């Protein structure tokens, strides 16, 4: 099992490589926010993130204790750090 610091290091490296993005208005507060996942200046919806995670898990063969592919759920974080990822096996 991978530990959390390695995931954060990978996200930090990816964010450094992608560079700064144009801030977009937050849907609830209207405040300008640098969203982690954007394409062409638009936010990526949660269903697209879930589909991408499912495809990545299927491609790597990650399995839970019962042999089924892992179910990964993206969750929002109230802090300015990258989103927390929770694994439900």
N, C-alpha and C. Protein backbone atom coordinates (compact mmCIF):
# COMPACT_ATOMS: atom_id res chain seq x y z
N UNK A 1 0.84 -1.18 0.00
CA UNK A 1 0.00 0.00 0.00
C UNK A 1 0.89 1.25 0.00
N UNK A 2 0.52 2.25 -0.77
CA UNK A 2 1.30 3.48 -0.84
C UNK A 2 0.95 4.39 0.33
N UNK A 3 1.94 5.15 0.75
CA UNK A 3 1.68 6.06 1.86
C UNK A 3 1.34 7.45 1.34
N UNK A 4 0.65 8.22 2.15
CA UNK A 4 0.15 9.54 1.75
C UNK A 4 1.25 10.51 1.31
N UNK A 5 2.41 10.57 1.99
CA UNK A 5 3.41 11.54 1.54
C UNK A 5 3.85 11.32 0.09
N UNK A 6 3.93 10.09 -0.37
CA UNK A 6 4.33 9.84 -1.76
C UNK A 6 3.28 10.38 -2.72
N UNK A 7 2.00 10.23 -2.39
CA UNK A 7 0.95 10.77 -3.26
C UNK A 7 1.05 12.28 -3.32
N UNK A 8 1.28 12.92 -2.16
CA UNK A 8 1.39 14.38 -2.14
C UNK A 8 2.60 14.83 -2.93
N UNK A 9 3.71 14.08 -2.84
CA UNK A 9 4.91 14.43 -3.61
C UNK A 9 4.61 14.36 -5.11
N UNK A 10 3.88 13.33 -5.53
CA UNK A 10 3.53 13.19 -6.94
C UNK A 10 2.63 14.33 -7.40
N UNK A 11 1.65 14.71 -6.58
CA UNK A 11 0.78 15.83 -6.93
C UNK A 11 1.55 17.14 -6.97
N UNK A 12 2.46 17.34 -6.01
CA UNK A 12 3.27 18.55 -6.01
C UNK A 12 4.13 18.64 -7.27
N UNK A 13 4.72 17.52 -7.67
CA UNK A 13 5.55 17.52 -8.88
C UNK A 13 4.70 17.81 -10.11
N UNK A 14 3.51 17.22 -10.18
CA UNK A 14 2.63 17.46 -11.33
C UNK A 14 2.18 18.91 -11.38
N UNK A 15 1.83 19.48 -10.22
CA UNK A 15 1.39 20.87 -10.17
C UNK A 15 2.53 21.81 -10.58
N UNK A 16 3.76 21.49 -10.18
CA UNK A 16 4.90 22.33 -10.57
C UNK A 16 5.13 22.26 -12.08
N UNK A 17 4.95 21.08 -12.67
CA UNK A 17 5.15 20.92 -14.11
C UNK A 17 4.05 21.61 -14.92
N UNK A 18 2.81 21.60 -14.42
CA UNK A 18 1.71 22.20 -15.18
C UNK A 18 1.72 23.72 -15.11
N UNK A 19 2.36 24.27 -14.08
CA UNK A 19 2.44 25.72 -13.94
C UNK A 19 1.15 26.31 -13.36
N UNK A 20 1.15 27.63 -13.20
CA UNK A 20 -0.02 28.32 -12.65
C UNK A 20 -1.13 28.34 -13.67
N UNK A 21 -2.33 28.19 -13.18
CA UNK A 21 -3.52 28.23 -14.02
C UNK A 21 -4.30 29.50 -13.70
N UNK A 22 -5.11 29.92 -14.65
CA UNK A 22 -5.97 31.08 -14.42
C UNK A 22 -6.97 30.74 -13.33
N UNK A 23 -7.12 31.62 -12.35
CA UNK A 23 -8.08 31.41 -11.27
C UNK A 23 -9.50 31.51 -11.83
N UNK A 24 -10.37 30.64 -11.36
CA UNK A 24 -11.77 30.61 -11.78
C UNK A 24 -12.66 30.91 -10.58
N UNK A 25 -13.85 31.47 -10.80
CA UNK A 25 -14.74 31.73 -9.67
C UNK A 25 -15.25 30.44 -9.03
N UNK A 26 -15.20 30.39 -7.71
CA UNK A 26 -15.73 29.24 -6.99
C UNK A 26 -17.25 29.25 -7.13
N UNK A 27 -17.87 28.08 -7.40
CA UNK A 27 -19.31 28.07 -7.64
C UNK A 27 -20.16 28.52 -6.45
N UNK A 28 -19.68 28.34 -5.23
CA UNK A 28 -20.48 28.74 -4.07
C UNK A 28 -20.15 30.14 -3.58
N UNK A 29 -18.85 30.49 -3.57
CA UNK A 29 -18.47 31.77 -2.98
C UNK A 29 -18.22 32.87 -4.00
N UNK A 30 -17.93 32.48 -5.25
CA UNK A 30 -17.61 33.45 -6.28
C UNK A 30 -16.18 33.96 -6.21
N UNK A 31 -15.45 33.55 -5.17
CA UNK A 31 -14.06 33.97 -5.00
C UNK A 31 -13.17 33.26 -6.01
N UNK A 32 -12.15 33.94 -6.55
CA UNK A 32 -11.23 33.34 -7.52
C UNK A 32 -10.40 32.25 -6.84
N UNK A 33 -10.37 31.07 -7.46
CA UNK A 33 -9.70 29.90 -6.90
C UNK A 33 -8.87 29.24 -8.00
N UNK A 34 -7.67 28.76 -7.63
CA UNK A 34 -6.85 27.97 -8.56
C UNK A 34 -7.24 26.50 -8.37
N UNK A 35 -8.16 26.01 -9.21
CA UNK A 35 -8.61 24.63 -9.11
C UNK A 35 -7.50 23.69 -9.55
N UNK A 36 -7.41 22.52 -8.92
CA UNK A 36 -6.37 21.56 -9.23
C UNK A 36 -6.55 20.96 -10.61
N UNK A 37 -7.76 20.59 -10.97
CA UNK A 37 -8.02 19.93 -12.25
C UNK A 37 -8.81 20.85 -13.17
N UNK A 38 -8.15 21.33 -14.23
CA UNK A 38 -8.82 22.14 -15.25
C UNK A 38 -8.32 21.69 -16.62
N UNK A 39 -9.15 21.87 -17.62
CA UNK A 39 -8.78 21.60 -19.01
C UNK A 39 -9.28 22.75 -19.84
N UNK A 40 -8.40 23.39 -20.57
CA UNK A 40 -8.80 24.50 -21.43
C UNK A 40 -9.46 25.63 -20.68
N UNK A 41 -9.02 25.88 -19.44
CA UNK A 41 -9.56 26.97 -18.66
C UNK A 41 -10.92 26.68 -18.04
N UNK A 42 -11.35 25.43 -18.07
CA UNK A 42 -12.64 25.04 -17.48
C UNK A 42 -12.41 23.98 -16.41
N UNK A 43 -13.21 24.02 -15.34
CA UNK A 43 -13.14 22.99 -14.31
C UNK A 43 -13.55 21.64 -14.88
N UNK A 44 -12.92 20.60 -14.37
CA UNK A 44 -13.30 19.23 -14.73
C UNK A 44 -14.36 18.79 -13.73
N UNK A 45 -15.45 18.24 -14.22
CA UNK A 45 -16.54 17.81 -13.35
C UNK A 45 -16.19 16.55 -12.58
N UNK A 46 -16.90 16.30 -11.48
CA UNK A 46 -16.61 15.13 -10.64
C UNK A 46 -16.79 13.80 -11.37
N UNK A 47 -17.74 13.71 -12.28
CA UNK A 47 -17.93 12.43 -12.97
C UNK A 47 -16.74 12.13 -13.88
N UNK A 48 -16.16 13.15 -14.49
CA UNK A 48 -14.98 12.92 -15.33
C UNK A 48 -13.81 12.46 -14.47
N UNK A 49 -13.65 13.04 -13.28
CA UNK A 49 -12.58 12.61 -12.38
C UNK A 49 -12.80 11.17 -11.95
N UNK A 50 -14.05 10.82 -11.58
CA UNK A 50 -14.35 9.43 -11.18
C UNK A 50 -14.07 8.46 -12.32
N UNK A 51 -14.46 8.81 -13.55
CA UNK A 51 -14.20 7.92 -14.69
C UNK A 51 -12.70 7.75 -14.93
N UNK A 52 -11.95 8.84 -14.79
CA UNK A 52 -10.50 8.76 -14.95
C UNK A 52 -9.84 7.89 -13.90
N UNK A 53 -10.30 8.03 -12.66
CA UNK A 53 -9.77 7.18 -11.58
C UNK A 53 -10.09 5.71 -11.84
N UNK A 54 -11.33 5.44 -12.26
CA UNK A 54 -11.73 4.05 -12.54
C UNK A 54 -10.88 3.46 -13.66
N UNK A 55 -10.62 4.24 -14.71
CA UNK A 55 -9.79 3.76 -15.82
C UNK A 55 -8.36 3.50 -15.36
N UNK A 56 -7.82 4.39 -14.52
CA UNK A 56 -6.46 4.21 -14.01
C UNK A 56 -6.36 2.97 -13.14
N UNK A 57 -7.36 2.74 -12.31
CA UNK A 57 -7.36 1.57 -11.43
C UNK A 57 -7.46 0.30 -12.26
N UNK A 58 -8.35 0.32 -13.26
CA UNK A 58 -8.48 -0.85 -14.14
C UNK A 58 -7.20 -1.15 -14.89
N UNK A 59 -6.50 -0.10 -15.32
CA UNK A 59 -5.26 -0.28 -16.07
C UNK A 59 -4.11 -0.80 -15.22
N UNK A 60 -4.13 -0.50 -13.93
CA UNK A 60 -3.05 -0.93 -13.06
C UNK A 60 -3.35 -2.26 -12.38
N UNK A 61 -4.62 -2.68 -12.41
CA UNK A 61 -4.98 -3.95 -11.79
C UNK A 61 -5.09 -3.89 -10.28
N UNK A 62 -5.28 -2.71 -9.70
CA UNK A 62 -5.43 -2.61 -8.25
C UNK A 62 -6.70 -3.32 -7.81
N UNK A 63 -6.57 -4.21 -6.85
CA UNK A 63 -7.70 -5.01 -6.38
C UNK A 63 -7.84 -4.91 -4.87
N UNK A 64 -9.08 -5.01 -4.41
CA UNK A 64 -9.37 -5.04 -2.99
C UNK A 64 -9.23 -6.45 -2.45
N UNK A 65 -9.53 -6.66 -1.18
CA UNK A 65 -9.38 -7.97 -0.56
C UNK A 65 -10.27 -9.04 -1.18
N UNK A 66 -11.39 -8.64 -1.78
CA UNK A 66 -12.30 -9.62 -2.39
C UNK A 66 -11.96 -9.89 -3.85
N UNK A 67 -10.93 -9.21 -4.38
CA UNK A 67 -10.55 -9.41 -5.77
C UNK A 67 -11.22 -8.45 -6.74
N UNK A 68 -12.14 -7.66 -6.26
CA UNK A 68 -12.81 -6.66 -7.11
C UNK A 68 -11.89 -5.46 -7.28
N UNK A 69 -12.01 -4.73 -8.41
CA UNK A 69 -11.22 -3.50 -8.56
C UNK A 69 -11.54 -2.53 -7.42
N UNK A 70 -10.52 -1.82 -6.95
CA UNK A 70 -10.72 -0.85 -5.87
C UNK A 70 -11.68 0.24 -6.31
N UNK A 71 -12.44 0.75 -5.36
CA UNK A 71 -13.33 1.88 -5.62
C UNK A 71 -12.71 3.10 -4.94
N UNK A 72 -12.26 4.06 -5.73
CA UNK A 72 -11.63 5.27 -5.21
C UNK A 72 -12.62 6.42 -5.36
N UNK A 73 -12.81 7.18 -4.29
CA UNK A 73 -13.75 8.29 -4.30
C UNK A 73 -13.00 9.59 -4.05
N UNK A 74 -13.06 10.53 -5.00
CA UNK A 74 -12.44 11.84 -4.73
C UNK A 74 -13.30 12.60 -3.73
N UNK A 75 -12.66 13.27 -2.80
CA UNK A 75 -13.39 14.06 -1.81
C UNK A 75 -12.87 15.49 -1.82
N UNK A 76 -13.71 16.42 -1.45
CA UNK A 76 -13.29 17.82 -1.35
C UNK A 76 -12.52 18.02 -0.06
N UNK A 77 -11.61 18.97 -0.09
CA UNK A 77 -10.84 19.31 1.09
C UNK A 77 -11.12 20.76 1.45
N UNK A 78 -11.31 21.04 2.72
CA UNK A 78 -11.60 22.41 3.16
C UNK A 78 -10.32 23.22 3.30
N UNK A 79 -9.16 22.58 3.12
CA UNK A 79 -7.89 23.28 3.24
C UNK A 79 -7.32 23.54 1.86
N UNK A 80 -6.34 24.44 1.73
CA UNK A 80 -5.78 24.73 0.41
C UNK A 80 -4.80 23.68 -0.09
N UNK A 81 -4.68 22.53 0.60
CA UNK A 81 -3.81 21.46 0.14
C UNK A 81 -4.53 20.65 -0.93
N UNK A 82 -3.82 19.77 -1.67
CA UNK A 82 -4.48 18.95 -2.69
C UNK A 82 -5.59 18.11 -2.08
N UNK A 83 -6.58 17.70 -2.89
CA UNK A 83 -7.71 16.92 -2.36
C UNK A 83 -7.26 15.64 -1.68
N UNK A 84 -7.99 15.24 -0.67
CA UNK A 84 -7.73 13.98 0.00
C UNK A 84 -8.41 12.88 -0.80
N UNK A 85 -7.78 11.75 -0.94
CA UNK A 85 -8.36 10.62 -1.67
C UNK A 85 -8.65 9.53 -0.68
N UNK A 86 -9.86 8.99 -0.71
CA UNK A 86 -10.20 7.92 0.21
C UNK A 86 -10.44 6.66 -0.60
N UNK A 87 -9.96 5.56 -0.08
CA UNK A 87 -10.11 4.27 -0.75
C UNK A 87 -11.17 3.46 -0.03
N UNK A 88 -12.13 2.97 -0.78
CA UNK A 88 -13.16 2.11 -0.23
C UNK A 88 -13.00 0.77 -0.90
N UNK A 89 -12.64 -0.26 -0.14
CA UNK A 89 -12.37 -1.57 -0.72
C UNK A 89 -13.54 -2.42 -0.55
